[in-house]
């Protein structure tokens, strides 16, 4: 047997006490040691087929032999093994003793420096460990889910803030564009009004320069300033000058042929008078 293996004293004491009671009550001639799987480990018989003696030294020897057989088998199998010791009188079963042997806890087959194994797991220990594992898993899952929701909430909040900021910038851009369009229209209207005002002043000034000699000559009663043209021709020219091309073109459709002929005669007469006056002055 391995020098580092020691027999379980608790198992030996239990076997010895059981043997003392069995041998005291019944004449037992054979002990059978079987594994809980049914495999027979050993069979110990009395000397010459006779019942075992009840002497203390004989009980100690028998208890040691039974314990050693169980221990050796447990060392070979490893871990915790269960055995059944059965007492027989001839072929009659007297009683039995279930016993458990922990080979790993005994230190059998272990070298110096090897870790010492603890007791094998029990149902209660496995249940407790499983419950703790499930509790930790649930806590971890809850923490992960909470972190995911927190991150998503933060992302949604940041997106909402970004969208609000972009919407504000968008409307600011729209307002600025509308303001620029309004300013452009206003400047265009102001420019048009200034051009029309300048044209009106130019026409007024031209008319004044043309009518001034006539007015001065009439006030003086004699020709002091040369008259460029008559007031009638000037008015007619001013009227014709204010007409647009489409209006002049429209005369063809508005006026009758006699009216167009009369208008042409008036213009021709005035132009002829004006040319005659200019020729006489020269």
C-alpha atoms as a PDB file:
ATOM      1  CA  UNK A   1       0.000   0.000   0.000  1.00  0.00           C
ATOM      2  CA  UNK A   2       1.137   3.546  -0.642  1.00  0.00           C
ATOM      3  CA  UNK A   3       3.177   5.047   2.193  1.00  0.00           C
ATOM      4  CA  UNK A   4       1.120   8.246   1.985  1.00  0.00           C
ATOM      5  CA  UNK A   5      -2.208   6.445   2.351  1.00  0.00           C
ATOM      6  CA  UNK A   6      -3.853   6.169   5.731  1.00  0.00           C
ATOM      7  CA  UNK A   7      -6.964   4.174   6.484  1.00  0.00           C
ATOM      8  CA  UNK A   8     -10.049   6.112   7.554  1.00  0.00           C
ATOM      9  CA  UNK A   9     -10.293   5.525  11.339  1.00  0.00           C
ATOM     10  CA  UNK A  10     -13.976   6.416  11.305  1.00  0.00           C
ATOM     11  CA  UNK A  11     -14.703   3.608   8.839  1.00  0.00           C
ATOM     12  CA  UNK A  12     -12.601   1.146  10.845  1.00  0.00           C
ATOM     13  CA  UNK A  13     -14.354   1.989  14.111  1.00  0.00           C
ATOM     14  CA  UNK A  14     -17.736   1.654  12.497  1.00  0.00           C
ATOM     15  CA  UNK A  15     -16.849  -1.753  10.982  1.00  0.00           C
ATOM     16  CA  UNK A  16     -15.435  -2.990  14.266  1.00  0.00           C
ATOM     17  CA  UNK A  17     -18.500  -1.987  16.257  1.00  0.00           C
ATOM     18  CA  UNK A  18     -20.756  -3.639  13.724  1.00  0.00           C
ATOM     19  CA  UNK A  19     -18.708  -6.850  13.787  1.00  0.00           C
ATOM     20  CA  UNK A  20     -18.853  -6.961  17.568  1.00  0.00           C
ATOM     21  CA  UNK A  21     -22.639  -6.817  17.561  1.00  0.00           C
ATOM     22  CA  UNK A  22     -23.040  -9.309  14.702  1.00  0.00           C
ATOM     23  CA  UNK A  23     -20.641 -11.924  16.105  1.00  0.00           C
ATOM     24  CA  UNK A  24     -22.178 -11.634  19.554  1.00  0.00           C
ATOM     25  CA  UNK A  25     -25.702 -12.348  18.318  1.00  0.00           C
ATOM     26  CA  UNK A  26     -25.209 -14.913  15.526  1.00  0.00           C
ATOM     27  CA  UNK A  27     -22.650 -17.519  14.414  1.00  0.00           C
ATOM     28  CA  UNK A  28     -21.278 -15.949  11.212  1.00  0.00           C
ATOM     29  CA  UNK A  29     -18.994 -18.013   9.005  1.00  0.00           C
ATOM     30  CA  UNK A  30     -18.545 -15.656   6.027  1.00  0.00           C
ATOM     31  CA  UNK A  31     -18.459 -11.928   5.206  1.00  0.00           C
ATOM     32  CA  UNK A  32     -18.970 -10.683   1.628  1.00  0.00           C
ATOM     33  CA  UNK A  33     -17.866  -7.196   0.563  1.00  0.00           C
ATOM     34  CA  UNK A  34     -19.629  -5.831  -2.515  1.00  0.00           C
ATOM     35  CA  UNK A  35     -19.550  -2.491  -4.284  1.00  0.00           C
ATOM     36  CA  UNK A  36     -22.891  -0.681  -4.495  1.00  0.00           C
ATOM     37  CA  UNK A  37     -22.911  -1.548  -8.183  1.00  0.00           C
ATOM     38  CA  UNK A  38     -23.156  -5.242  -7.207  1.00  0.00           C
ATOM     39  CA  UNK A  39     -19.575  -6.185  -7.979  1.00  0.00           C
ATOM     40  CA  UNK A  40     -18.039  -8.432  -5.328  1.00  0.00           C
ATOM     41  CA  UNK A  41     -14.847  -7.015  -3.837  1.00  0.00           C
ATOM     42  CA  UNK A  42     -13.853  -9.738  -1.340  1.00  0.00           C
ATOM     43  CA  UNK A  43     -15.150 -12.693   0.613  1.00  0.00           C
ATOM     44  CA  UNK A  44     -13.718 -13.467   4.060  1.00  0.00           C
ATOM     45  CA  UNK A  45     -14.421 -16.906   5.560  1.00  0.00           C
ATOM     46  CA  UNK A  46     -13.826 -18.409   8.960  1.00  0.00           C
ATOM     47  CA  UNK A  47     -10.993 -20.850   9.572  1.00  0.00           C
ATOM     48  CA  UNK A  48     -11.872 -24.287   8.193  1.00  0.00           C
ATOM     49  CA  UNK A  49     -15.393 -23.043   7.415  1.00  0.00           C
ATOM     50  CA  UNK A  50     -16.129 -22.534  11.102  1.00  0.00           C
ATOM     51  CA  UNK A  51     -17.910 -19.458  12.532  1.00  0.00           C
ATOM     52  CA  UNK A  52     -15.717 -16.520  13.507  1.00  0.00           C
ATOM     53  CA  UNK A  53     -14.561 -16.299  17.101  1.00  0.00           C
ATOM     54  CA  UNK A  54     -15.897 -13.549  19.365  1.00  0.00           C
ATOM     55  CA  UNK A  55     -12.535 -12.710  20.924  1.00  0.00           C
ATOM     56  CA  UNK A  56     -11.531  -9.058  20.929  1.00  0.00           C
ATOM     57  CA  UNK A  57      -8.234  -9.657  19.135  1.00  0.00           C
ATOM     58  CA  UNK A  58     -10.030 -11.699  16.486  1.00  0.00           C
ATOM     59  CA  UNK A  59     -12.620  -8.926  16.018  1.00  0.00           C
ATOM     60  CA  UNK A  60      -9.815  -6.348  15.657  1.00  0.00           C
ATOM     61  CA  UNK A  61      -8.073  -8.507  13.054  1.00  0.00           C
ATOM     62  CA  UNK A  62     -11.302  -9.084  11.162  1.00  0.00           C
ATOM     63  CA  UNK A  63     -12.232  -5.369  11.256  1.00  0.00           C
ATOM     64  CA  UNK A  64      -8.763  -4.449   9.948  1.00  0.00           C
ATOM     65  CA  UNK A  65      -9.001  -6.958   7.112  1.00  0.00           C
ATOM     66  CA  UNK A  66     -12.461  -5.716   6.033  1.00  0.00           C
ATOM     67  CA  UNK A  67     -11.415  -2.049   6.247  1.00  0.00           C
ATOM     68  CA  UNK A  68      -8.229  -2.698   4.281  1.00  0.00           C
ATOM     69  CA  UNK A  69     -10.093  -4.475   1.474  1.00  0.00           C
ATOM     70  CA  UNK A  70     -12.589  -1.609   1.210  1.00  0.00           C
ATOM     71  CA  UNK A  71      -9.855   1.018   1.365  1.00  0.00           C
ATOM     72  CA  UNK A  72      -7.713  -0.654  -1.298  1.00  0.00           C
ATOM     73  CA  UNK A  73     -10.673  -0.907  -3.666  1.00  0.00           C
ATOM     74  CA  UNK A  74     -11.642   2.722  -3.063  1.00  0.00           C
ATOM     75  CA  UNK A  75      -8.098   3.877  -3.785  1.00  0.00           C
ATOM     76  CA  UNK A  76      -8.171   2.076  -7.108  1.00  0.00           C
ATOM     77  CA  UNK A  77     -11.499   3.570  -8.136  1.00  0.00           C
ATOM     78  CA  UNK A  78     -10.855   7.038  -6.677  1.00  0.00           C
ATOM     79  CA  UNK A  79     -13.269   9.465  -5.104  1.00  0.00           C
ATOM     80  CA  UNK A  80     -16.095   8.430  -2.826  1.00  0.00           C
ATOM     81  CA  UNK A  81     -17.161   4.766  -3.151  1.00  0.00           C
ATOM     82  CA  UNK A  82     -20.020   2.923  -1.479  1.00  0.00           C
ATOM     83  CA  UNK A  83     -19.825  -0.662  -0.281  1.00  0.00           C
ATOM     84  CA  UNK A  84     -22.089  -3.217   1.386  1.00  0.00           C
ATOM     85  CA  UNK A  85     -20.710  -5.726   3.923  1.00  0.00           C
ATOM     86  CA  UNK A  86     -22.985  -8.761   4.255  1.00  0.00           C
ATOM     87  CA  UNK A  87     -22.766 -11.364   7.052  1.00  0.00           C
ATOM     88  CA  UNK A  88     -23.725 -14.997   6.241  1.00  0.00           C
ATOM     89  CA  UNK A  89     -24.368 -18.095   8.331  1.00  0.00           C
ATOM     90  CA  UNK A  90     -24.046 -20.939   5.840  1.00  0.00           C
ATOM     91  CA  UNK A  91     -26.169 -19.607   2.938  1.00  0.00           C
ATOM     92  CA  UNK A  92     -28.405 -17.492   5.133  1.00  0.00           C
ATOM     93  CA  UNK A  93     -28.048 -13.720   5.132  1.00  0.00           C
ATOM     94  CA  UNK A  94     -27.768 -12.424   8.684  1.00  0.00           C
ATOM     95  CA  UNK A  95     -27.336  -8.667   8.231  1.00  0.00           C
ATOM     96  CA  UNK A  96     -25.473  -6.075   6.184  1.00  0.00           C
ATOM     97  CA  UNK A  97     -23.614  -2.808   6.697  1.00  0.00           C
ATOM     98  CA  UNK A  98     -23.550  -0.053   4.005  1.00  0.00           C
ATOM     99  CA  UNK A  99     -20.362   1.995   4.277  1.00  0.00           C
ATOM    100  CA  UNK A 100     -18.762   4.823   2.333  1.00  0.00           C
ATOM    101  CA  UNK A 101     -15.039   5.298   1.712  1.00  0.00           C
ATOM    102  CA  UNK A 102     -13.469   8.534   0.456  1.00  0.00           C
ATOM    103  CA  UNK A 103     -10.148   7.604  -1.114  1.00  0.00           C
ATOM    104  CA  UNK A 104      -9.292  11.177  -2.139  1.00  0.00           C
ATOM    105  CA  UNK A 105      -9.702  12.508   1.385  1.00  0.00           C
ATOM    106  CA  UNK A 106      -7.381   9.828   2.746  1.00  0.00           C
ATOM    107  CA  UNK A 107      -4.430  11.095   0.711  1.00  0.00           C
ATOM    108  CA  UNK A 108      -3.809   7.807  -1.030  1.00  0.00           C
ATOM    109  CA  UNK A 109      -1.728   8.079  -4.172  1.00  0.00           C
ATOM    110  CA  UNK A 110      -0.914  11.731  -3.486  1.00  0.00           C
ATOM    111  CA  UNK A 111       2.634  13.006  -3.738  1.00  0.00           C
ATOM    112  CA  UNK A 112       4.148  15.671  -1.463  1.00  0.00           C
ATOM    113  CA  UNK A 113       3.182  19.155  -2.632  1.00  0.00           C
ATOM    114  CA  UNK A 114      -0.020  18.057  -4.394  1.00  0.00           C
ATOM    115  CA  UNK A 115      -3.126  20.061  -3.467  1.00  0.00           C
ATOM    116  CA  UNK A 116      -5.441  18.525  -0.918  1.00  0.00           C
ATOM    117  CA  UNK A 117      -8.916  17.820  -2.285  1.00  0.00           C
ATOM    118  CA  UNK A 118     -11.911  18.879  -0.296  1.00  0.00           C
ATOM    119  CA  UNK A 119     -15.029  16.847   0.346  1.00  0.00           C
ATOM    120  CA  UNK A 120     -16.976  15.937  -2.802  1.00  0.00           C
ATOM    121  CA  UNK A 121     -19.901  18.168  -3.710  1.00  0.00           C
ATOM    122  CA  UNK A 122     -23.214  17.434  -2.079  1.00  0.00           C
ATOM    123  CA  UNK A 123     -26.694  18.066  -3.450  1.00  0.00           C
ATOM    124  CA  UNK A 124     -27.166  20.995  -1.097  1.00  0.00           C
ATOM    125  CA  UNK A 125     -23.809  22.466  -2.071  1.00  0.00           C
ATOM    126  CA  UNK A 126     -24.521  22.054  -5.785  1.00  0.00           C
ATOM    127  CA  UNK A 127     -27.956  23.630  -5.341  1.00  0.00           C
ATOM    128  CA  UNK A 128     -26.481  26.560  -3.412  1.00  0.00           C
ATOM    129  CA  UNK A 129     -23.745  27.034  -6.003  1.00  0.00           C
ATOM    130  CA  UNK A 130     -26.274  26.883  -8.851  1.00  0.00           C
ATOM    131  CA  UNK A 131     -28.517  29.424  -7.137  1.00  0.00           C
ATOM    132  CA  UNK A 132     -25.558  31.760  -6.616  1.00  0.00           C
ATOM    133  CA  UNK A 133     -24.548  31.316 -10.246  1.00  0.00           C
ATOM    134  CA  UNK A 134     -28.079  32.118 -11.413  1.00  0.00           C
ATOM    135  CA  UNK A 135     -28.249  35.127  -9.106  1.00  0.00           C
ATOM    136  CA  UNK A 136     -24.966  36.486 -10.451  1.00  0.00           C
ATOM    137  CA  UNK A 137     -26.120  35.816 -14.016  1.00  0.00           C
ATOM    138  CA  UNK A 138     -29.397  37.663 -13.401  1.00  0.00           C
ATOM    139  CA  UNK A 139     -27.602  40.596 -11.803  1.00  0.00           C
ATOM    140  CA  UNK A 140     -25.124  40.740 -14.677  1.00  0.00           C
ATOM    141  CA  UNK A 141     -27.943  40.568 -17.206  1.00  0.00           C
ATOM    142  CA  UNK A 142     -29.894  43.285 -15.421  1.00  0.00           C
ATOM    143  CA  UNK A 143     -26.790  45.491 -15.254  1.00  0.00           C
ATOM    144  CA  UNK A 144     -26.032  44.982 -18.949  1.00  0.00           C
ATOM    145  CA  UNK A 145     -29.631  45.724 -19.960  1.00  0.00           C
ATOM    146  CA  UNK A 146     -29.690  48.828 -17.763  1.00  0.00           C
ATOM    147  CA  UNK A 147     -26.436  50.045 -19.313  1.00  0.00           C
ATOM    148  CA  UNK A 148     -27.801  49.433 -22.821  1.00  0.00           C
ATOM    149  CA  UNK A 149     -30.974  51.387 -22.059  1.00  0.00           C
ATOM    150  CA  UNK A 150     -28.911  54.191 -20.514  1.00  0.00           C
ATOM    151  CA  UNK A 151     -26.682  54.388 -23.600  1.00  0.00           C
ATOM    152  CA  UNK A 152     -29.672  54.355 -25.953  1.00  0.00           C
ATOM    153  CA  UNK A 153     -31.433  57.039 -23.922  1.00  0.00           C
ATOM    154  CA  UNK A 154     -28.311  59.178 -24.036  1.00  0.00           C
ATOM    155  CA  UNK A 155     -28.000  58.695 -27.805  1.00  0.00           C
ATOM    156  CA  UNK A 156     -31.660  59.597 -28.344  1.00  0.00           C
ATOM    157  CA  UNK A 157     -31.311  62.688 -26.160  1.00  0.00           C
ATOM    158  CA  UNK A 158     -28.213  63.805 -28.067  1.00  0.00           C
ATOM    159  CA  UNK A 159     -29.986  63.184 -31.395  1.00  0.00           C
ATOM    160  CA  UNK A 160     -32.993  65.217 -30.265  1.00  0.00           C
ATOM    161  CA  UNK A 161     -30.720  68.080 -29.257  1.00  0.00           C
ATOM    162  CA  UNK A 162     -28.893  67.848 -32.586  1.00  0.00           C
ATOM    163  CA  UNK A 163     -32.153  67.791 -34.556  1.00  0.00           C
ATOM    164  CA  UNK A 164     -33.465  70.796 -32.635  1.00  0.00           C
ATOM    165  CA  UNK A 165     -30.229  72.665 -33.309  1.00  0.00           C
ATOM    166  CA  UNK A 166     -30.349  71.815 -37.032  1.00  0.00           C
ATOM    167  CA  UNK A 167     -34.005  72.829 -37.281  1.00  0.00           C
ATOM    168  CA  UNK A 168     -33.182  76.165 -35.660  1.00  0.00           C
ATOM    169  CA  UNK A 169     -30.301  76.697 -38.099  1.00  0.00           C
ATOM    170  CA  UNK A 170     -32.574  75.736 -40.988  1.00  0.00           C
ATOM    171  CA  UNK A 171     -35.236  78.260 -40.094  1.00  0.00           C
ATOM    172  CA  UNK A 172     -32.590  80.925 -39.505  1.00  0.00           C
ATOM    173  CA  UNK A 173     -31.252  80.215 -42.998  1.00  0.00           C
ATOM    174  CA  UNK A 174     -34.746  80.390 -44.495  1.00  0.00           C
ATOM    175  CA  UNK A 175     -35.458  83.704 -42.754  1.00  0.00           C
ATOM    176  CA  UNK A 176     -32.100  85.106 -43.880  1.00  0.00           C
ATOM    177  CA  UNK A 177     -32.773  84.004 -47.479  1.00  0.00           C
ATOM    178  CA  UNK A 178     -36.218  85.595 -47.439  1.00  0.00           C
ATOM    179  CA  UNK A 179     -34.721  88.749 -46.003  1.00  0.00           C
ATOM    180  CA  UNK A 180     -32.112  88.841 -48.771  1.00  0.00           C
ATOM    181  CA  UNK A 181     -34.815  88.358 -51.403  1.00  0.00           C
ATOM    182  CA  UNK A 182     -36.885  91.146 -49.843  1.00  0.00           C
ATOM    183  CA  UNK A 183     -33.863  93.452 -49.717  1.00  0.00           C
ATOM    184  CA  UNK A 184     -33.104  92.654 -53.362  1.00  0.00           C
ATOM    185  CA  UNK A 185     -36.661  93.476 -54.414  1.00  0.00           C
ATOM    186  CA  UNK A 186     -36.629  96.653 -52.347  1.00  0.00           C
ATOM    187  CA  UNK A 187     -33.348  97.784 -53.925  1.00  0.00           C
ATOM    188  CA  UNK A 188     -34.708  96.950 -57.390  1.00  0.00           C
ATOM    189  CA  UNK A 189     -37.832  99.038 -56.728  1.00  0.00           C
ATOM    190  CA  UNK A 190     -35.750 101.920 -55.396  1.00  0.00           C
ATOM    191  CA  UNK A 191     -33.495 101.748 -58.454  1.00  0.00           C
ATOM    192  CA  UNK A 192     -36.504 101.719 -60.792  1.00  0.00           C
ATOM    193  CA  UNK A 193     -38.071 104.662 -58.977  1.00  0.00           C
ATOM    194  CA  UNK A 194     -34.808 106.611 -59.194  1.00  0.00           C
ATOM    195  CA  UNK A 195     -34.534 105.885 -62.915  1.00  0.00           C
ATOM    196  CA  UNK A 196     -38.131 106.966 -63.516  1.00  0.00           C
ATOM    197  CA  UNK A 197     -37.544 110.119 -61.490  1.00  0.00           C
ATOM    198  CA  UNK A 198     -34.413 110.921 -63.489  1.00  0.00           C
ATOM    199  CA  UNK A 199     -36.256 110.343 -66.757  1.00  0.00           C
ATOM    200  CA  UNK A 200     -39.107 112.592 -65.603  1.00  0.00           C
ATOM    201  CA  UNK A 201     -36.676 115.334 -64.591  1.00  0.00           C
ATOM    202  CA  UNK A 202     -34.902 114.997 -67.935  1.00  0.00           C
ATOM    203  CA  UNK A 203     -38.186 115.316 -69.821  1.00  0.00           C
ATOM    204  CA  UNK A 204     -39.266 118.286 -67.692  1.00  0.00           C
ATOM    205  CA  UNK A 205     -35.921 119.985 -68.206  1.00  0.00           C
ATOM    206  CA  UNK A 206     -36.038 119.361 -71.946  1.00  0.00           C
ATOM    207  CA  UNK A 207     -39.567 120.707 -72.171  1.00  0.00           C
ATOM    208  CA  UNK A 208     -38.592 123.788 -70.154  1.00  0.00           C
ATOM    209  CA  UNK A 209     -35.623 124.481 -72.400  1.00  0.00           C
ATOM    210  CA  UNK A 210     -37.787 124.158 -75.446  1.00  0.00           C
ATOM    211  CA  UNK A 211     -40.632 126.348 -74.127  1.00  0.00           C
ATOM    212  CA  UNK A 212     -38.468 128.959 -72.425  1.00  0.00           C
ATOM    213  CA  UNK A 213     -37.556 130.943 -75.630  1.00  0.00           C
ATOM    214  CA  UNK A 214     -41.182 131.126 -76.687  1.00  0.00           C
ATOM    215  CA  UNK A 215     -42.310 132.283 -73.272  1.00  0.00           C
ATOM    216  CA  UNK A 216     -39.559 134.919 -73.092  1.00  0.00           C
ATOM    217  CA  UNK A 217     -40.337 136.262 -76.576  1.00  0.00           C
ATOM    218  CA  UNK A 218     -44.047 136.512 -75.750  1.00  0.00           C
ATOM    219  CA  UNK A 219     -43.354 138.338 -72.522  1.00  0.00           C
ATOM    220  CA  UNK A 220     -40.938 140.766 -74.266  1.00  0.00           C
ATOM    221  CA  UNK A 221     -43.149 141.297 -77.289  1.00  0.00           C
ATOM    222  CA  UNK A 222     -40.315 140.632 -79.662  1.00  0.00           C
ATOM    223  CA  UNK A 223     -38.018 137.819 -80.697  1.00  0.00           C
ATOM    224  CA  UNK A 224     -35.223 137.906 -78.195  1.00  0.00           C
ATOM    225  CA  UNK A 225     -34.372 134.231 -78.054  1.00  0.00           C
ATOM    226  CA  UNK A 226     -34.503 131.906 -81.024  1.00  0.00           C
ATOM    227  CA  UNK A 227     -37.430 129.507 -80.754  1.00  0.00           C
ATOM    228  CA  UNK A 228     -36.562 125.935 -81.514  1.00  0.00           C
ATOM    229  CA  UNK A 229     -40.107 124.912 -82.331  1.00  0.00           C
ATOM    230  CA  UNK A 230     -43.726 125.764 -81.752  1.00  0.00           C
ATOM    231  CA  UNK A 231     -45.596 124.747 -78.610  1.00  0.00           C
ATOM    232  CA  UNK A 232     -48.052 122.696 -80.660  1.00  0.00           C
ATOM    233  CA  UNK A 233     -45.289 120.748 -82.343  1.00  0.00           C
ATOM    234  CA  UNK A 234     -43.482 120.447 -79.046  1.00  0.00           C
ATOM    235  CA  UNK A 235     -46.590 119.076 -77.360  1.00  0.00           C
ATOM    236  CA  UNK A 236     -47.222 116.755 -80.253  1.00  0.00           C
ATOM    237  CA  UNK A 237     -43.641 115.555 -80.241  1.00  0.00           C
ATOM    238  CA  UNK A 238     -43.796 115.122 -76.480  1.00  0.00           C
ATOM    239  CA  UNK A 239     -46.978 113.117 -76.862  1.00  0.00           C
ATOM    240  CA  UNK A 240     -45.523 110.954 -79.622  1.00  0.00           C
ATOM    241  CA  UNK A 241     -42.286 110.569 -77.659  1.00  0.00           C
ATOM    242  CA  UNK A 242     -44.117 109.188 -74.665  1.00  0.00           C
ATOM    243  CA  UNK A 243     -45.785 106.507 -76.710  1.00  0.00           C
ATOM    244  CA  UNK A 244     -44.191 103.079 -76.631  1.00  0.00           C
ATOM    245  CA  UNK A 245     -43.521 100.918 -79.634  1.00  0.00           C
ATOM    246  CA  UNK A 246     -46.405  98.605 -78.945  1.00  0.00           C
ATOM    247  CA  UNK A 247     -48.720 101.634 -78.548  1.00  0.00           C
ATOM    248  CA  UNK A 248     -47.622 103.077 -81.887  1.00  0.00           C
ATOM    249  CA  UNK A 249     -48.125  99.654 -83.449  1.00  0.00           C
ATOM    250  CA  UNK A 250     -51.553  99.457 -81.844  1.00  0.00           C
ATOM    251  CA  UNK A 251     -52.643 102.672 -83.705  1.00  0.00           C
ATOM    252  CA  UNK A 252     -53.028 100.549 -86.788  1.00  0.00           C
ATOM    253  CA  UNK A 253     -55.739  98.539 -85.088  1.00  0.00           C
ATOM    254  CA  UNK A 254     -57.332 101.318 -82.959  1.00  0.00           C
ATOM    255  CA  UNK A 255     -57.532 104.258 -85.427  1.00  0.00           C
ATOM    256  CA  UNK A 256     -59.386 104.153 -88.656  1.00  0.00           C
ATOM    257  CA  UNK A 257     -57.556 104.950 -91.941  1.00  0.00           C
ATOM    258  CA  UNK A 258     -58.996 108.483 -92.073  1.00  0.00           C
ATOM    259  CA  UNK A 259     -57.874 109.071 -88.460  1.00  0.00           C
ATOM    260  CA  UNK A 260     -54.395 107.861 -89.243  1.00  0.00           C
ATOM    261  CA  UNK A 261     -54.303 110.130 -92.306  1.00  0.00           C
ATOM    262  CA  UNK A 262     -55.420 113.158 -90.221  1.00  0.00           C
ATOM    263  CA  UNK A 263     -52.760 112.422 -87.591  1.00  0.00           C
ATOM    264  CA  UNK A 264     -50.129 112.209 -90.320  1.00  0.00           C
ATOM    265  CA  UNK A 265     -51.224 115.534 -91.817  1.00  0.00           C
ATOM    266  CA  UNK A 266     -51.036 117.266 -88.417  1.00  0.00           C
ATOM    267  CA  UNK A 267     -47.543 116.000 -87.810  1.00  0.00           C
ATOM    268  CA  UNK A 268     -46.446 116.866 -91.345  1.00  0.00           C
ATOM    269  CA  UNK A 269     -47.933 120.425 -91.087  1.00  0.00           C
ATOM    270  CA  UNK A 270     -46.271 121.140 -87.830  1.00  0.00           C
ATOM    271  CA  UNK A 271     -42.980 119.816 -89.050  1.00  0.00           C
ATOM    272  CA  UNK A 272     -43.266 121.914 -92.232  1.00  0.00           C
ATOM    273  CA  UNK A 273     -44.074 125.115 -90.270  1.00  0.00           C
ATOM    274  CA  UNK A 274     -41.151 124.512 -88.038  1.00  0.00           C
ATOM    275  CA  UNK A 275     -38.806 124.049 -90.970  1.00  0.00           C
ATOM    276  CA  UNK A 276     -40.190 127.212 -92.673  1.00  0.00           C
ATOM    277  CA  UNK A 277     -39.589 129.332 -89.607  1.00  0.00           C
ATOM    278  CA  UNK A 278     -36.063 128.061 -89.321  1.00  0.00           C
ATOM    279  CA  UNK A 279     -35.389 128.864 -92.992  1.00  0.00           C
ATOM    280  CA  UNK A 280     -36.789 132.445 -92.648  1.00  0.00           C
ATOM    281  CA  UNK A 281     -34.616 133.180 -89.666  1.00  0.00           C
ATOM    282  CA  UNK A 282     -31.559 132.136 -91.520  1.00  0.00           C
END
